[in-house]
Structure formats: C-alpha cells, structure tokens
Amino acid sequence: RISNYPVSDPSKWENAQIALDSDGNIVLLEDNGTTHLFRISAAGTVMEISLSRTARHCSNLMIDQQGQYVFMDFSAGELLRVTPSGQVTTIQTVVPRVMNVVGLTQDPGTGDYVIAVTFRQRLIRMGASGSSFLTPQDPTYLSSPEALIVEQNK
C-alpha cells in the first residue's frame, strides 16, 4: 500500500482512475458524485488538486503530451483539460452527450484526442484545440469496444 486518500462517503461506490505523471507521481481521479483530483508522491504524500470549477461523473483519466490531465465529464458531455495547478477548461463538448466512454487517448502524430463510446459504437476524434469533431460514417464494426490504442506509424 502506498497511501490512503480521502473520500466524501466511504459507504458509496466510487469511480477511481489513476495515471502516472512524468515526475513519477500517481494522479488519481476520484468521482463519488463530485470529482476530486489528487497527486500522490512515490513516498505516499497525498495532495488534493483544487479544481477551478465543479465537475461531476468523470472518468477516463489520461495525461496529455503537455503534462495536463484530461478526462470526460459525462454529466456535461465535456472533454476537460486540467493543469497541474487545477485550472479546468473545456476542450470540446460532445453532442449528443456520451455516457459510456470506454477509451480516451491522444494521437501522438496529430495531438488530437480520440474517444471510444460503447453502446453507440462510435469513435470520436477531436482536435487538441477543440477545433474539429469527426466520427466514422459506418462504425457498425465496433460492436462493444473496451479500450482504445492509437498506433503511430513510423
């Protein structure tokens, strides 16, 4: 065990996801109705990252090429970017709102974000600046995706 982290109600189920930052810290996204973000050092020191705005029902944490935290806010249908200091900005609002994102990654060649949505059998590509929104014309081959990997051609 590395550490414990605080939760608002230990009797409720929570959605918790982790990622490793470039300094070797664990970044923990915890959602129990309200989203909390923590940075946990290798020594086990827990520091909550105060978010500049409320986020609810979040999942699919990743750390992007700039070292910022990116995840989906299902209640708002937003892909969010959070700086290590806690400043939250919206990258893109997904319309119609998606509730079952099962994969989130960043294309290393373009910087675009790609999400996989189960039950709607879709891949959604968003420009890193939020400038584009694309989805395949016939995604029926994605019966129930479980994860997402972007391979860089060399």
N, C-alpha and C. Protein backbone atom coordinates (compact mmCIF):
# COMPACT_ATOMS: atom_id res chain seq x y z
N ARG A 1 0.84 -1.18 0.00
CA ARG A 1 0.00 0.00 0.00
C ARG A 1 0.88 1.24 0.00
N ILE A 2 0.54 2.19 -0.86
CA ILE A 2 1.28 3.45 -0.93
C ILE A 2 0.66 4.49 -0.02
N SER A 3 -0.69 4.62 -0.10
CA SER A 3 -1.33 5.69 0.64
C SER A 3 -2.84 5.49 0.67
N ASN A 4 -3.51 6.21 1.54
CA ASN A 4 -4.95 6.35 1.53
C ASN A 4 -5.28 7.74 1.02
N TYR A 5 -6.47 7.90 0.47
CA TYR A 5 -6.91 9.22 0.05
C TYR A 5 -8.31 9.46 0.60
N PRO A 6 -8.67 10.71 0.84
CA PRO A 6 -9.98 10.99 1.44
C PRO A 6 -11.12 10.85 0.42
N VAL A 7 -12.24 10.30 0.87
CA VAL A 7 -13.46 10.24 0.07
C VAL A 7 -14.59 10.84 0.90
N SER A 8 -15.59 11.42 0.22
CA SER A 8 -16.66 12.09 0.93
C SER A 8 -17.58 11.12 1.66
N ASP A 9 -17.82 9.94 1.10
CA ASP A 9 -18.70 8.95 1.72
C ASP A 9 -18.15 7.56 1.44
N PRO A 10 -17.42 6.98 2.40
CA PRO A 10 -16.79 5.67 2.18
C PRO A 10 -17.78 4.54 1.92
N SER A 11 -19.06 4.74 2.22
CA SER A 11 -20.03 3.67 2.01
C SER A 11 -20.55 3.63 0.57
N LYS A 12 -20.24 4.66 -0.22
CA LYS A 12 -20.68 4.69 -1.63
C LYS A 12 -19.61 4.14 -2.54
N TRP A 13 -20.07 3.55 -3.65
CA TRP A 13 -19.15 3.12 -4.69
C TRP A 13 -18.59 4.37 -5.34
N GLU A 14 -17.37 4.28 -5.78
CA GLU A 14 -16.75 5.42 -6.44
C GLU A 14 -16.11 4.97 -7.74
N ASN A 15 -15.90 5.93 -8.60
CA ASN A 15 -15.18 5.71 -9.83
C ASN A 15 -13.79 6.30 -9.61
N ALA A 16 -12.77 5.47 -9.59
CA ALA A 16 -11.42 5.95 -9.37
C ALA A 16 -10.52 5.46 -10.49
N GLN A 17 -9.71 6.36 -11.01
CA GLN A 17 -8.77 6.01 -12.07
C GLN A 17 -7.43 6.66 -11.77
N ILE A 18 -6.36 6.01 -12.22
CA ILE A 18 -5.03 6.54 -11.97
C ILE A 18 -4.24 6.67 -13.26
N ALA A 19 -3.27 7.57 -13.22
CA ALA A 19 -2.30 7.75 -14.30
C ALA A 19 -0.98 8.14 -13.64
N LEU A 20 0.10 7.90 -14.31
CA LEU A 20 1.43 8.23 -13.80
C LEU A 20 1.96 9.44 -14.54
N ASP A 21 2.35 10.50 -13.79
CA ASP A 21 2.88 11.69 -14.46
C ASP A 21 4.38 11.55 -14.71
N SER A 22 4.96 12.52 -15.40
CA SER A 22 6.37 12.44 -15.80
C SER A 22 7.33 12.53 -14.62
N ASP A 23 6.84 12.97 -13.44
CA ASP A 23 7.69 13.04 -12.25
C ASP A 23 7.58 11.78 -11.39
N GLY A 24 6.80 10.79 -11.84
CA GLY A 24 6.63 9.56 -11.08
C GLY A 24 5.54 9.61 -10.04
N ASN A 25 4.74 10.69 -10.04
CA ASN A 25 3.61 10.79 -9.12
C ASN A 25 2.41 10.06 -9.69
N ILE A 26 1.58 9.52 -8.81
CA ILE A 26 0.31 8.95 -9.23
C ILE A 26 -0.71 10.07 -9.23
N VAL A 27 -1.43 10.22 -10.32
CA VAL A 27 -2.54 11.17 -10.38
C VAL A 27 -3.80 10.33 -10.27
N LEU A 28 -4.65 10.66 -9.33
CA LEU A 28 -5.86 9.90 -9.05
C LEU A 28 -7.09 10.76 -9.31
N LEU A 29 -7.95 10.29 -10.18
CA LEU A 29 -9.25 10.92 -10.44
C LEU A 29 -10.27 10.10 -9.68
N GLU A 30 -10.98 10.74 -8.75
CA GLU A 30 -11.96 10.05 -7.91
C GLU A 30 -13.29 10.76 -8.06
N ASP A 31 -14.33 9.97 -8.34
CA ASP A 31 -15.66 10.55 -8.51
C ASP A 31 -16.66 9.76 -7.70
N ASN A 32 -17.28 10.44 -6.77
CA ASN A 32 -18.32 9.87 -5.93
C ASN A 32 -19.52 10.82 -5.98
N GLY A 33 -19.86 11.28 -7.20
CA GLY A 33 -20.90 12.30 -7.39
C GLY A 33 -20.28 13.66 -7.65
N THR A 34 -19.16 13.94 -7.04
CA THR A 34 -18.36 15.13 -7.31
C THR A 34 -16.94 14.68 -7.56
N THR A 35 -16.29 15.27 -8.53
CA THR A 35 -14.96 14.85 -8.93
C THR A 35 -13.88 15.49 -8.08
N HIS A 36 -12.91 14.67 -7.69
CA HIS A 36 -11.72 15.13 -6.97
C HIS A 36 -10.49 14.61 -7.70
N LEU A 37 -9.44 15.41 -7.68
CA LEU A 37 -8.19 15.04 -8.32
C LEU A 37 -7.08 15.11 -7.27
N PHE A 38 -6.27 14.07 -7.19
CA PHE A 38 -5.20 14.00 -6.21
C PHE A 38 -3.88 13.69 -6.91
N ARG A 39 -2.79 14.21 -6.34
CA ARG A 39 -1.44 13.83 -6.77
C ARG A 39 -0.82 13.12 -5.57
N ILE A 40 -0.32 11.91 -5.80
CA ILE A 40 0.26 11.11 -4.72
C ILE A 40 1.72 10.84 -5.07
N SER A 41 2.61 11.26 -4.19
CA SER A 41 4.04 11.07 -4.44
C SER A 41 4.42 9.62 -4.23
N ALA A 42 5.60 9.25 -4.70
CA ALA A 42 6.10 7.88 -4.51
C ALA A 42 6.23 7.54 -3.03
N ALA A 43 6.43 8.57 -2.20
CA ALA A 43 6.54 8.37 -0.75
C ALA A 43 5.17 8.24 -0.08
N GLY A 44 4.08 8.48 -0.86
CA GLY A 44 2.74 8.33 -0.31
C GLY A 44 2.08 9.61 0.16
N THR A 45 2.70 10.75 -0.08
CA THR A 45 2.10 12.02 0.31
C THR A 45 0.97 12.36 -0.66
N VAL A 46 -0.21 12.64 -0.10
CA VAL A 46 -1.40 12.93 -0.90
C VAL A 46 -1.65 14.43 -0.89
N MET A 47 -1.79 15.00 -2.10
CA MET A 47 -2.14 16.42 -2.21
C MET A 47 -3.34 16.53 -3.13
N GLU A 48 -4.43 17.10 -2.64
CA GLU A 48 -5.59 17.31 -3.50
C GLU A 48 -5.33 18.50 -4.40
N ILE A 49 -5.66 18.36 -5.66
CA ILE A 49 -5.55 19.45 -6.63
C ILE A 49 -6.92 20.13 -6.65
N SER A 50 -6.97 21.37 -6.17
CA SER A 50 -8.24 22.10 -6.13
C SER A 50 -8.64 22.49 -7.55
N LEU A 51 -9.81 22.03 -7.98
CA LEU A 51 -10.28 22.32 -9.33
C LEU A 51 -10.93 23.70 -9.37
N SER A 52 -10.70 24.43 -10.45
CA SER A 52 -11.22 25.79 -10.58
C SER A 52 -12.73 25.83 -10.83
N ARG A 53 -13.33 24.69 -11.15
CA ARG A 53 -14.77 24.59 -11.30
C ARG A 53 -15.23 23.18 -10.97
N THR A 54 -16.50 23.02 -10.70
CA THR A 54 -17.05 21.73 -10.36
C THR A 54 -17.14 20.83 -11.58
N ALA A 55 -16.84 19.59 -11.39
CA ALA A 55 -17.03 18.55 -12.41
C ALA A 55 -17.72 17.39 -11.72
N ARG A 56 -18.61 16.70 -12.46
CA ARG A 56 -19.36 15.61 -11.86
C ARG A 56 -19.35 14.41 -12.81
N HIS A 57 -19.33 13.24 -12.25
CA HIS A 57 -19.42 12.00 -13.03
C HIS A 57 -18.34 11.92 -14.10
N CYS A 58 -17.09 11.95 -13.66
CA CYS A 58 -15.95 11.98 -14.57
C CYS A 58 -15.23 10.63 -14.61
N SER A 59 -14.59 10.40 -15.74
CA SER A 59 -13.88 9.14 -15.93
C SER A 59 -12.89 9.28 -17.08
N ASN A 60 -12.12 8.23 -17.32
CA ASN A 60 -11.17 8.13 -18.43
C ASN A 60 -10.03 9.12 -18.32
N LEU A 61 -9.34 9.10 -17.21
CA LEU A 61 -8.20 9.98 -16.98
C LEU A 61 -7.02 9.60 -17.86
N MET A 62 -6.40 10.61 -18.44
CA MET A 62 -5.12 10.44 -19.13
C MET A 62 -4.30 11.70 -18.92
N ILE A 63 -3.00 11.59 -19.14
CA ILE A 63 -2.12 12.76 -19.10
C ILE A 63 -1.68 13.01 -20.52
N ASP A 64 -1.92 14.24 -21.01
CA ASP A 64 -1.65 14.53 -22.42
C ASP A 64 -0.19 14.86 -22.66
N GLN A 65 0.13 15.18 -23.91
CA GLN A 65 1.52 15.44 -24.31
C GLN A 65 2.12 16.67 -23.63
N GLN A 66 1.27 17.56 -23.12
CA GLN A 66 1.74 18.75 -22.41
C GLN A 66 1.80 18.54 -20.90
N GLY A 67 1.49 17.33 -20.42
CA GLY A 67 1.54 17.04 -18.99
C GLY A 67 0.30 17.51 -18.24
N GLN A 68 -0.77 17.80 -18.97
CA GLN A 68 -2.02 18.20 -18.34
C GLN A 68 -2.95 16.99 -18.25
N TYR A 69 -3.89 17.06 -17.32
CA TYR A 69 -4.80 15.96 -17.07
C TYR A 69 -6.04 16.14 -17.94
N VAL A 70 -6.46 15.08 -18.59
CA VAL A 70 -7.62 15.13 -19.49
C VAL A 70 -8.56 14.01 -19.09
N PHE A 71 -9.86 14.32 -19.02
CA PHE A 71 -10.87 13.31 -18.72
C PHE A 71 -12.23 13.79 -19.19
N MET A 72 -13.19 12.84 -19.23
CA MET A 72 -14.55 13.14 -19.66
C MET A 72 -15.42 13.47 -18.45
N ASP A 73 -16.25 14.50 -18.59
CA ASP A 73 -17.31 14.81 -17.63
C ASP A 73 -18.62 14.39 -18.29
N PHE A 74 -19.14 13.22 -17.88
CA PHE A 74 -20.33 12.67 -18.52
C PHE A 74 -21.56 13.53 -18.31
N SER A 75 -21.71 14.15 -17.14
CA SER A 75 -22.92 14.91 -16.86
C SER A 75 -23.04 16.12 -17.78
N ALA A 76 -21.91 16.68 -18.19
CA ALA A 76 -21.93 17.84 -19.09
C ALA A 76 -21.59 17.48 -20.53
N GLY A 77 -21.14 16.24 -20.77
CA GLY A 77 -20.74 15.84 -22.11
C GLY A 77 -19.48 16.55 -22.57
N GLU A 78 -18.59 16.86 -21.63
CA GLU A 78 -17.40 17.65 -21.96
C GLU A 78 -16.11 16.84 -21.81
N LEU A 79 -15.19 17.08 -22.72
CA LEU A 79 -13.83 16.62 -22.56
C LEU A 79 -13.10 17.77 -21.88
N LEU A 80 -12.55 17.51 -20.69
CA LEU A 80 -11.92 18.57 -19.88
C LEU A 80 -10.42 18.42 -19.84
N ARG A 81 -9.73 19.56 -19.77
CA ARG A 81 -8.28 19.62 -19.57
C ARG A 81 -8.04 20.35 -18.26
N VAL A 82 -7.19 19.78 -17.41
CA VAL A 82 -6.87 20.39 -16.12
C VAL A 82 -5.36 20.55 -16.02
N THR A 83 -4.92 21.75 -15.69
CA THR A 83 -3.49 21.99 -15.48
C THR A 83 -3.09 21.38 -14.13
N PRO A 84 -1.80 21.13 -13.91
CA PRO A 84 -1.37 20.60 -12.62
C PRO A 84 -1.74 21.50 -11.44
N SER A 85 -2.02 22.79 -11.70
CA SER A 85 -2.45 23.68 -10.62
C SER A 85 -3.97 23.68 -10.42
N GLY A 86 -4.73 22.98 -11.30
CA GLY A 86 -6.17 22.84 -11.09
C GLY A 86 -7.07 23.68 -11.99
N GLN A 87 -6.50 24.43 -12.94
CA GLN A 87 -7.32 25.24 -13.85
C GLN A 87 -8.01 24.33 -14.86
N VAL A 88 -9.35 24.36 -14.86
CA VAL A 88 -10.16 23.48 -15.71
C VAL A 88 -10.65 24.25 -16.93
N THR A 89 -10.45 23.67 -18.13
CA THR A 89 -11.01 24.24 -19.36
C THR A 89 -11.67 23.11 -20.15
N THR A 90 -12.64 23.50 -20.96
CA THR A 90 -13.32 22.55 -21.82
C THR A 90 -12.59 22.47 -23.14
N ILE A 91 -12.21 21.27 -23.55
CA ILE A 91 -11.61 21.07 -24.87
C ILE A 91 -12.71 21.02 -25.92
N GLN A 92 -13.74 20.24 -25.62
CA GLN A 92 -14.83 20.05 -26.58
C GLN A 92 -16.06 19.55 -25.84
N THR A 93 -17.23 19.99 -26.25
CA THR A 93 -18.48 19.42 -25.78
C THR A 93 -18.95 18.43 -26.82
N VAL A 94 -19.25 17.22 -26.39
CA VAL A 94 -19.65 16.17 -27.30
C VAL A 94 -21.17 16.17 -27.41
N VAL A 95 -21.67 16.32 -28.62
CA VAL A 95 -23.11 16.33 -28.87
C VAL A 95 -23.42 15.23 -29.87
N PRO A 96 -24.36 14.31 -29.62
CA PRO A 96 -25.09 14.23 -28.36
C PRO A 96 -24.18 13.75 -27.24
N ARG A 97 -24.57 14.08 -26.03
CA ARG A 97 -23.78 13.75 -24.85
C ARG A 97 -23.51 12.25 -24.81
N VAL A 98 -22.30 11.86 -24.46
CA VAL A 98 -21.93 10.45 -24.40
C VAL A 98 -21.75 10.03 -22.94
N MET A 99 -22.32 8.90 -22.61
CA MET A 99 -22.28 8.44 -21.23
C MET A 99 -21.36 7.23 -21.04
N ASN A 100 -21.01 6.55 -22.09
CA ASN A 100 -20.29 5.29 -21.96
C ASN A 100 -18.96 5.32 -22.68
N VAL A 101 -18.13 6.29 -22.34
CA VAL A 101 -16.79 6.35 -22.92
C VAL A 101 -15.95 5.26 -22.28
N VAL A 102 -15.35 4.42 -23.12
CA VAL A 102 -14.54 3.31 -22.62
C VAL A 102 -13.07 3.46 -22.96
N GLY A 103 -12.74 4.48 -23.71
CA GLY A 103 -11.34 4.70 -24.06
C GLY A 103 -11.11 6.15 -24.39
N LEU A 104 -9.98 6.67 -23.97
CA LEU A 104 -9.57 8.03 -24.27
C LEU A 104 -8.07 8.01 -24.46
N THR A 105 -7.61 8.53 -25.58
CA THR A 105 -6.18 8.59 -25.84
C THR A 105 -5.87 9.82 -26.69
N GLN A 106 -4.61 10.11 -26.85
CA GLN A 106 -4.17 11.22 -27.69
C GLN A 106 -3.33 10.66 -28.83
N ASP A 107 -3.67 11.07 -30.04
CA ASP A 107 -2.93 10.65 -31.22
C ASP A 107 -1.55 11.31 -31.17
N PRO A 108 -0.47 10.53 -31.09
CA PRO A 108 0.86 11.13 -30.96
C PRO A 108 1.29 11.91 -32.19
N GLY A 109 0.72 11.62 -33.34
CA GLY A 109 1.11 12.32 -34.56
C GLY A 109 0.44 13.67 -34.73
N THR A 110 -0.85 13.75 -34.35
CA THR A 110 -1.61 14.99 -34.57
C THR A 110 -1.92 15.76 -33.30
N GLY A 111 -1.85 15.09 -32.14
CA GLY A 111 -2.26 15.72 -30.89
C GLY A 111 -3.76 15.66 -30.66
N ASP A 112 -4.51 15.12 -31.64
CA ASP A 112 -5.96 15.00 -31.49
C ASP A 112 -6.29 14.01 -30.38
N TYR A 113 -7.43 14.22 -29.74
CA TYR A 113 -7.95 13.27 -28.76
C TYR A 113 -8.92 12.35 -29.47
N VAL A 114 -8.91 11.07 -29.09
CA VAL A 114 -9.81 10.09 -29.67
C VAL A 114 -10.50 9.37 -28.52
N ILE A 115 -11.84 9.27 -28.60
CA ILE A 115 -12.58 8.52 -27.59
C ILE A 115 -13.36 7.40 -28.25
N ALA A 116 -13.52 6.31 -27.54
CA ALA A 116 -14.35 5.19 -27.98
C ALA A 116 -15.59 5.18 -27.09
N VAL A 117 -16.75 5.02 -27.72
CA VAL A 117 -18.02 5.04 -26.99
C VAL A 117 -18.70 3.70 -27.20
N THR A 118 -18.95 2.97 -26.12
CA THR A 118 -19.66 1.71 -26.24
C THR A 118 -21.17 1.97 -26.25
N PHE A 119 -21.93 1.04 -26.70
CA PHE A 119 -23.37 1.10 -26.89
C PHE A 119 -23.80 2.02 -28.02
N ARG A 120 -22.93 2.94 -28.45
CA ARG A 120 -23.22 3.75 -29.64
C ARG A 120 -22.26 3.40 -30.77
N GLN A 121 -21.33 2.51 -30.49
CA GLN A 121 -20.39 2.02 -31.48
C GLN A 121 -19.75 3.16 -32.27
N ARG A 122 -19.11 4.06 -31.55
CA ARG A 122 -18.52 5.22 -32.22
C ARG A 122 -17.09 5.46 -31.76
N LEU A 123 -16.32 5.99 -32.68
CA LEU A 123 -15.05 6.63 -32.37
C LEU A 123 -15.25 8.11 -32.64
N ILE A 124 -14.75 8.94 -31.75
CA ILE A 124 -14.87 10.38 -31.93
C ILE A 124 -13.47 10.97 -31.84
N ARG A 125 -13.10 11.75 -32.85
CA ARG A 125 -11.79 12.41 -32.88
C ARG A 125 -12.02 13.90 -32.70
N MET A 126 -11.27 14.51 -31.77
CA MET A 126 -11.39 15.93 -31.51
C MET A 126 -10.02 16.58 -31.62
N GLY A 127 -9.97 17.69 -32.31
CA GLY A 127 -8.71 18.43 -32.40
C GLY A 127 -8.25 18.84 -31.02
N ALA A 128 -6.95 18.85 -30.80
CA ALA A 128 -6.41 19.20 -29.49
C ALA A 128 -6.85 20.58 -29.03
N SER A 129 -7.14 21.46 -29.97
CA SER A 129 -7.61 22.79 -29.62
C SER A 129 -9.13 22.85 -29.54
N GLY A 130 -9.81 21.72 -29.78
CA GLY A 130 -11.27 21.71 -29.80
C GLY A 130 -11.83 22.15 -31.12
N SER A 131 -10.99 22.21 -32.15
CA SER A 131 -11.41 22.80 -33.42
C SER A 131 -12.15 21.84 -34.35
N SER A 132 -12.03 20.53 -34.13
CA SER A 132 -12.69 19.61 -35.06
C SER A 132 -13.40 18.50 -34.30
N PHE A 133 -14.37 17.92 -34.96
CA PHE A 133 -15.17 16.85 -34.36
C PHE A 133 -15.54 15.90 -35.47
N LEU A 134 -14.98 14.72 -35.47
CA LEU A 134 -15.21 13.77 -36.55
C LEU A 134 -15.64 12.43 -35.98
N THR A 135 -16.44 11.70 -36.72
CA THR A 135 -16.83 10.35 -36.32
C THR A 135 -16.95 9.50 -37.59
N PRO A 136 -16.66 8.22 -37.54
CA PRO A 136 -16.76 7.39 -38.75
C PRO A 136 -18.18 7.36 -39.30
N GLN A 137 -18.30 7.20 -40.60
CA GLN A 137 -19.61 7.14 -41.24
C GLN A 137 -20.34 5.84 -40.94
N ASP A 138 -19.62 4.72 -40.89
CA ASP A 138 -20.25 3.44 -40.64
C ASP A 138 -19.47 2.68 -39.57
N PRO A 139 -19.72 2.98 -38.30
CA PRO A 139 -18.95 2.36 -37.24
C PRO A 139 -19.53 1.05 -36.73
N THR A 140 -20.33 0.34 -37.52
CA THR A 140 -21.00 -0.87 -37.05
C THR A 140 -20.03 -1.98 -36.66
N TYR A 141 -18.80 -1.89 -37.12
CA TYR A 141 -17.81 -2.90 -36.76
C TYR A 141 -17.37 -2.79 -35.30
N LEU A 142 -17.73 -1.72 -34.63
CA LEU A 142 -17.38 -1.54 -33.22
C LEU A 142 -18.55 -2.01 -32.36
N SER A 143 -18.74 -3.31 -32.23
CA SER A 143 -19.93 -3.80 -31.53
C SER A 143 -19.94 -3.40 -30.06
N SER A 144 -18.84 -3.49 -29.38
CA SER A 144 -18.77 -3.09 -27.98
C SER A 144 -17.31 -2.88 -27.59
N PRO A 145 -16.72 -1.74 -27.96
CA PRO A 145 -15.30 -1.52 -27.68
C PRO A 145 -15.04 -1.50 -26.18
N GLU A 146 -13.84 -1.91 -25.80
CA GLU A 146 -13.46 -1.95 -24.39
C GLU A 146 -12.30 -1.01 -24.07
N ALA A 147 -11.51 -0.66 -25.06
CA ALA A 147 -10.34 0.18 -24.84
C ALA A 147 -9.95 0.82 -26.16
N LEU A 148 -8.94 1.66 -26.12
CA LEU A 148 -8.53 2.39 -27.31
C LEU A 148 -7.03 2.58 -27.29
N ILE A 149 -6.39 2.27 -28.41
CA ILE A 149 -4.95 2.47 -28.56
C ILE A 149 -4.73 3.15 -29.91
N VAL A 150 -3.91 4.18 -29.95
CA VAL A 150 -3.54 4.82 -31.21
C VAL A 150 -2.10 4.46 -31.49
N GLU A 151 -1.87 3.88 -32.66
CA GLU A 151 -0.53 3.47 -33.06
C GLU A 151 0.05 4.54 -33.97
N GLN A 152 1.28 4.93 -33.69
CA GLN A 152 1.95 5.92 -34.54
C GLN A 152 2.71 5.19 -35.63
N ASN A 153 2.43 5.55 -36.88
CA ASN A 153 3.16 4.95 -38.00
C ASN A 153 4.57 5.51 -38.04
N LYS A 154 5.52 4.65 -38.26
CA LYS A 154 6.92 5.10 -38.30
C LYS A 154 7.50 4.84 -39.66
